[in-house]
Amino acid sequence: MTYFDLRITNAHAEGINSRIQAIKVKANRYRNQDHFKTAILFHLGGLDLYPVTHRVVG
């Protein structure tokens, strides 16, 4: 009903939750919670693994 009042959904949050659940399924091999948190930040943090360090001019 919130959608009809405010025209917003929680689809983005549900997408993030489903990705965390997929990581959690694989987390059986993690030894502690810190490794699980690190995996979530790594996969969902939006980091660029290949950042541009310099540009070629020409």
PDB file of N, CA and C in Angstrom:
ATOM      1  N   MET A   1       0.811  -1.192   0.000  1.00  0.00           N
ATOM      2  CA  MET A   1       0.000   0.000   0.000  1.00  0.00           C
ATOM      3  C   MET A   1       0.861   1.264   0.000  1.00  0.00           C
ATOM      4  N   THR A   2       2.082   1.160   0.505  1.00  0.00           N
ATOM      5  CA  THR A   2       2.961   2.328   0.540  1.00  0.00           C
ATOM      6  C   THR A   2       3.261   2.820  -0.865  1.00  0.00           C
ATOM      7  N   TYR A   3       3.357   1.896  -1.802  1.00  0.00           N
ATOM      8  CA  TYR A   3       3.650   2.295  -3.177  1.00  0.00           C
ATOM      9  C   TYR A   3       2.590   3.258  -3.702  1.00  0.00           C
ATOM     10  N   PHE A   4       1.351   2.998  -3.403  1.00  0.00           N
ATOM     11  CA  PHE A   4       0.280   3.851  -3.919  1.00  0.00           C
ATOM     12  C   PHE A   4       0.269   5.221  -3.249  1.00  0.00           C
ATOM     13  N   ASP A   5       0.745   5.289  -2.012  1.00  0.00           N
ATOM     14  CA  ASP A   5       0.803   6.581  -1.309  1.00  0.00           C
ATOM     15  C   ASP A   5       2.043   7.387  -1.693  1.00  0.00           C
ATOM     16  N   LEU A   6       3.206   6.721  -1.702  1.00  0.00           N
ATOM     17  CA  LEU A   6       4.474   7.439  -1.864  1.00  0.00           C
ATOM     18  C   LEU A   6       5.177   7.188  -3.202  1.00  0.00           C
ATOM     19  N   ARG A   7       4.707   6.199  -3.953  1.00  0.00           N
ATOM     20  CA  ARG A   7       5.299   5.824  -5.236  1.00  0.00           C
ATOM     21  C   ARG A   7       6.757   5.380  -5.091  1.00  0.00           C
ATOM     22  N   ILE A   8       7.057   4.679  -3.999  1.00  0.00           N
ATOM     23  CA  ILE A   8       8.378   4.098  -3.823  1.00  0.00           C
ATOM     24  C   ILE A   8       8.233   2.630  -3.448  1.00  0.00           C
ATOM     25  N   THR A   9       9.255   1.848  -3.743  1.00  0.00           N
ATOM     26  CA  THR A   9       9.252   0.434  -3.379  1.00  0.00           C
ATOM     27  C   THR A   9      10.529   0.120  -2.620  1.00  0.00           C
ATOM     28  N   ASN A  10      10.596  -1.062  -2.073  1.00  0.00           N
ATOM     29  CA  ASN A  10      11.794  -1.503  -1.381  1.00  0.00           C
ATOM     30  C   ASN A  10      12.556  -2.523  -2.232  1.00  0.00           C
ATOM     31  N   ALA A  11      12.417  -2.448  -3.530  1.00  0.00           N
ATOM     32  CA  ALA A  11      13.055  -3.404  -4.437  1.00  0.00           C
ATOM     33  C   ALA A  11      14.569  -3.364  -4.318  1.00  0.00           C
ATOM     34  N   HIS A  12      15.141  -2.187  -4.151  1.00  0.00           N
ATOM     35  CA  HIS A  12      16.595  -2.082  -4.031  1.00  0.00           C
ATOM     36  C   HIS A  12      17.076  -2.796  -2.767  1.00  0.00           C
ATOM     37  N   ALA A  13      16.402  -2.582  -1.661  1.00  0.00           N
ATOM     38  CA  ALA A  13      16.772  -3.245  -0.408  1.00  0.00           C
ATOM     39  C   ALA A  13      16.607  -4.755  -0.516  1.00  0.00           C
ATOM     40  N   GLU A  14      15.562  -5.204  -1.169  1.00  0.00           N
ATOM     41  CA  GLU A  14      15.352  -6.641  -1.340  1.00  0.00           C
ATOM     42  C   GLU A  14      16.434  -7.252  -2.226  1.00  0.00           C
ATOM     43  N   GLY A  15      16.882  -6.509  -3.228  1.00  0.00           N
ATOM     44  CA  GLY A  15      17.971  -6.992  -4.072  1.00  0.00           C
ATOM     45  C   GLY A  15      19.259  -7.154  -3.292  1.00  0.00           C
ATOM     46  N   ILE A  16      19.564  -6.185  -2.436  1.00  0.00           N
ATOM     47  CA  ILE A  16      20.757  -6.273  -1.600  1.00  0.00           C
ATOM     48  C   ILE A  16      20.628  -7.446  -0.632  1.00  0.00           C
ATOM     49  N   ASN A  17      19.464  -7.612  -0.041  1.00  0.00           N
ATOM     50  CA  ASN A  17      19.252  -8.725   0.886  1.00  0.00           C
ATOM     51  C   ASN A  17      19.439 -10.073   0.201  1.00  0.00           C
ATOM     52  N   SER A  18      18.962 -10.218  -1.014  1.00  0.00           N
ATOM     53  CA  SER A  18      19.120 -11.499  -1.703  1.00  0.00           C
ATOM     54  C   SER A  18      20.582 -11.766  -2.029  1.00  0.00           C
ATOM     55  N   ARG A  19      21.344 -10.718  -2.345  1.00  0.00           N
ATOM     56  CA  ARG A  19      22.771 -10.905  -2.608  1.00  0.00           C
ATOM     57  C   ARG A  19      23.511 -11.278  -1.329  1.00  0.00           C
ATOM     58  N   ILE A  20      23.121 -10.689  -0.199  1.00  0.00           N
ATOM     59  CA  ILE A  20      23.735 -11.046   1.081  1.00  0.00           C
ATOM     60  C   ILE A  20      23.400 -12.495   1.437  1.00  0.00           C
ATOM     61  N   GLN A  21      22.185 -12.919   1.155  1.00  0.00           N
ATOM     62  CA  GLN A  21      21.814 -14.307   1.428  1.00  0.00           C
ATOM     63  C   GLN A  21      22.637 -15.270   0.582  1.00  0.00           C
ATOM     64  N   ALA A  22      22.922 -14.905  -0.663  1.00  0.00           N
ATOM     65  CA  ALA A  22      23.762 -15.756  -1.511  1.00  0.00           C
ATOM     66  C   ALA A  22      25.176 -15.850  -0.944  1.00  0.00           C
ATOM     67  N   ILE A  23      25.692 -14.746  -0.421  1.00  0.00           N
ATOM     68  CA  ILE A  23      27.015 -14.765   0.212  1.00  0.00           C
ATOM     69  C   ILE A  23      26.954 -15.608   1.482  1.00  0.00           C
ATOM     70  N   LYS A  24      25.858 -15.522   2.209  1.00  0.00           N
ATOM     71  CA  LYS A  24      25.705 -16.273   3.452  1.00  0.00           C
ATOM     72  C   LYS A  24      25.715 -17.778   3.201  1.00  0.00           C
ATOM     73  N   VAL A  25      25.139 -18.209   2.082  1.00  0.00           N
ATOM     74  CA  VAL A  25      25.146 -19.624   1.735  1.00  0.00           C
ATOM     75  C   VAL A  25      26.581 -20.108   1.551  1.00  0.00           C
ATOM     76  N   LYS A  26      27.403 -19.271   0.943  1.00  0.00           N
ATOM     77  CA  LYS A  26      28.801 -19.623   0.734  1.00  0.00           C
ATOM     78  C   LYS A  26      29.645 -19.422   1.988  1.00  0.00           C
ATOM     79  N   ALA A  27      29.098 -18.784   3.007  1.00  0.00           N
ATOM     80  CA  ALA A  27      29.859 -18.398   4.193  1.00  0.00           C
ATOM     81  C   ALA A  27      30.155 -19.559   5.131  1.00  0.00           C
ATOM     82  N   ASN A  28      29.697 -20.733   4.827  1.00  0.00           N
ATOM     83  CA  ASN A  28      29.971 -21.865   5.703  1.00  0.00           C
ATOM     84  C   ASN A  28      31.468 -22.099   5.866  1.00  0.00           C
ATOM     85  N   ARG A  29      32.242 -21.695   4.890  1.00  0.00           N
ATOM     86  CA  ARG A  29      33.683 -21.922   4.971  1.00  0.00           C
ATOM     87  C   ARG A  29      34.422 -20.793   5.688  1.00  0.00           C
ATOM     88  N   TYR A  30      33.740 -19.708   6.037  1.00  0.00           N
ATOM     89  CA  TYR A  30      34.402 -18.616   6.744  1.00  0.00           C
ATOM     90  C   TYR A  30      34.587 -18.996   8.206  1.00  0.00           C
ATOM     91  N   ARG A  31      35.731 -18.637   8.756  1.00  0.00           N
ATOM     92  CA  ARG A  31      36.049 -19.035  10.124  1.00  0.00           C
ATOM     93  C   ARG A  31      35.411 -18.133  11.173  1.00  0.00           C
ATOM     94  N   ASN A  32      35.154 -16.882  10.821  1.00  0.00           N
ATOM     95  CA  ASN A  32      34.548 -15.989  11.811  1.00  0.00           C
ATOM     96  C   ASN A  32      33.686 -14.938  11.122  1.00  0.00           C
ATOM     97  N   GLN A  33      33.003 -14.157  11.919  1.00  0.00           N
ATOM     98  CA  GLN A  33      32.066 -13.153  11.412  1.00  0.00           C
ATOM     99  C   GLN A  33      32.788 -12.035  10.663  1.00  0.00           C
ATOM    100  N   ASP A  34      34.012 -11.722  11.059  1.00  0.00           N
ATOM    101  CA  ASP A  34      34.739 -10.652  10.374  1.00  0.00           C
ATOM    102  C   ASP A  34      34.980 -10.996   8.909  1.00  0.00           C
ATOM    103  N   HIS A  35      35.253 -12.252   8.630  1.00  0.00           N
ATOM    104  CA  HIS A  35      35.449 -12.657   7.231  1.00  0.00           C
ATOM    105  C   HIS A  35      34.140 -12.543   6.442  1.00  0.00           C
ATOM    106  N   PHE A  36      33.038 -12.857   7.110  1.00  0.00           N
ATOM    107  CA  PHE A  36      31.725 -12.724   6.462  1.00  0.00           C
ATOM    108  C   PHE A  36      31.424 -11.258   6.151  1.00  0.00           C
ATOM    109  N   LYS A  37      31.694 -10.375   7.113  1.00  0.00           N
ATOM    110  CA  LYS A  37      31.490  -8.945   6.887  1.00  0.00           C
ATOM    111  C   LYS A  37      32.371  -8.432   5.762  1.00  0.00           C
ATOM    112  N   THR A  38      33.611  -8.897   5.729  1.00  0.00           N
ATOM    113  CA  THR A  38      34.530  -8.486   4.672  1.00  0.00           C
ATOM    114  C   THR A  38      34.028  -8.945   3.309  1.00  0.00           C
ATOM    115  N   ALA A  39      33.485 -10.150   3.242  1.00  0.00           N
ATOM    116  CA  ALA A  39      32.949 -10.657   1.978  1.00  0.00           C
ATOM    117  C   ALA A  39      31.776  -9.812   1.505  1.00  0.00           C
ATOM    118  N   ILE A  40      30.908  -9.410   2.419  1.00  0.00           N
ATOM    119  CA  ILE A  40      29.770  -8.564   2.048  1.00  0.00           C
ATOM    120  C   ILE A  40      30.263  -7.224   1.511  1.00  0.00           C
ATOM    121  N   LEU A  41      31.208  -6.615   2.226  1.00  0.00           N
ATOM    122  CA  LEU A  41      31.739  -5.327   1.773  1.00  0.00           C
ATOM    123  C   LEU A  41      32.454  -5.460   0.431  1.00  0.00           C
ATOM    124  N   PHE A  42      33.158  -6.563   0.237  1.00  0.00           N
ATOM    125  CA  PHE A  42      33.872  -6.770  -1.021  1.00  0.00           C
ATOM    126  C   PHE A  42      32.899  -6.912  -2.187  1.00  0.00           C
ATOM    127  N   HIS A  43      31.882  -7.720  -2.012  1.00  0.00           N
ATOM    128  CA  HIS A  43      30.956  -7.994  -3.114  1.00  0.00           C
ATOM    129  C   HIS A  43      29.932  -6.887  -3.339  1.00  0.00           C
ATOM    130  N   LEU A  44      29.535  -6.186  -2.285  1.00  0.00           N
ATOM    131  CA  LEU A  44      28.487  -5.185  -2.414  1.00  0.00           C
ATOM    132  C   LEU A  44      28.976  -3.760  -2.225  1.00  0.00           C
ATOM    133  N   GLY A  45      30.269  -3.586  -2.009  1.00  0.00           N
ATOM    134  CA  GLY A  45      30.807  -2.266  -1.704  1.00  0.00           C
ATOM    135  C   GLY A  45      30.937  -1.344  -2.891  1.00  0.00           C
ATOM    136  N   GLY A  46      30.850  -1.870  -4.097  1.00  0.00           N
ATOM    137  CA  GLY A  46      30.945  -1.037  -5.286  1.00  0.00           C
ATOM    138  C   GLY A  46      32.355  -0.552  -5.578  1.00  0.00           C
ATOM    139  N   LEU A  47      33.351  -1.299  -5.120  1.00  0.00           N
ATOM    140  CA  LEU A  47      34.722  -0.906  -5.374  1.00  0.00           C
ATOM    141  C   LEU A  47      35.105  -1.202  -6.809  1.00  0.00           C
ATOM    142  N   ASP A  48      35.928  -0.355  -7.375  1.00  0.00           N
ATOM    143  CA  ASP A  48      36.454  -0.573  -8.706  1.00  0.00           C
ATOM    144  C   ASP A  48      37.768  -1.336  -8.550  1.00  0.00           C
ATOM    145  N   LEU A  49      37.790  -2.589  -9.009  1.00  0.00           N
ATOM    146  CA  LEU A  49      38.990  -3.400  -8.841  1.00  0.00           C
ATOM    147  C   LEU A  49      40.116  -2.973  -9.773  1.00  0.00           C
ATOM    148  N   TYR A  50      39.799  -2.237 -10.808  1.00  0.00           N
ATOM    149  CA  TYR A  50      40.805  -1.772 -11.752  1.00  0.00           C
ATOM    150  C   TYR A  50      40.697  -0.259 -11.900  1.00  0.00           C
ATOM    151  N   PRO A  51      41.069   0.491 -10.872  1.00  0.00           N
ATOM    152  CA  PRO A  51      40.944   1.951 -10.963  1.00  0.00           C
ATOM    153  C   PRO A  51      41.954   2.531 -11.950  1.00  0.00           C
ATOM    154  N   VAL A  52      41.601   3.659 -12.533  1.00  0.00           N
ATOM    155  CA  VAL A  52      42.494   4.341 -13.459  1.00  0.00           C
ATOM    156  C   VAL A  52      43.518   5.089 -12.614  1.00  0.00           C
ATOM    157  N   THR A  53      44.790   4.731 -12.810  1.00  0.00           N
ATOM    158  CA  THR A  53      45.837   5.395 -12.027  1.00  0.00           C
ATOM    159  C   THR A  53      46.477   6.537 -12.806  1.00  0.00           C
ATOM    160  N   HIS A  54      46.469   6.424 -14.112  1.00  0.00           N
ATOM    161  CA  HIS A  54      46.971   7.498 -14.957  1.00  0.00           C
ATOM    162  C   HIS A  54      46.352   7.349 -16.350  1.00  0.00           C
ATOM    163  N   ARG A  55      46.363   8.409 -17.077  1.00  0.00           N
ATOM    164  CA  ARG A  55      45.780   8.390 -18.419  1.00  0.00           C
ATOM    165  C   ARG A  55      46.871   8.604 -19.450  1.00  0.00           C
ATOM    166  N   VAL A  56      46.717   7.945 -20.582  1.00  0.00           N
ATOM    167  CA  VAL A  56      47.652   8.098 -21.688  1.00  0.00           C
ATOM    168  C   VAL A  56      47.182   9.269 -22.523  1.00  0.00           C
ATOM    169  N   VAL A  57      48.028  10.258 -22.702  1.00  0.00           N
ATOM    170  CA  VAL A  57      47.687  11.435 -23.500  1.00  0.00           C
ATOM    171  C   VAL A  57      48.177  11.191 -24.906  1.00  0.00           C
ATOM    172  N   GLY A  58      47.316  11.497 -25.836  1.00  0.00           N
ATOM    173  CA  GLY A  58      47.796  11.385 -27.204  1.00  0.00           C
ATOM    174  C   GLY A  58      46.864  10.745 -28.064  1.00  0.00           C
TER     175      GLY A  58
END
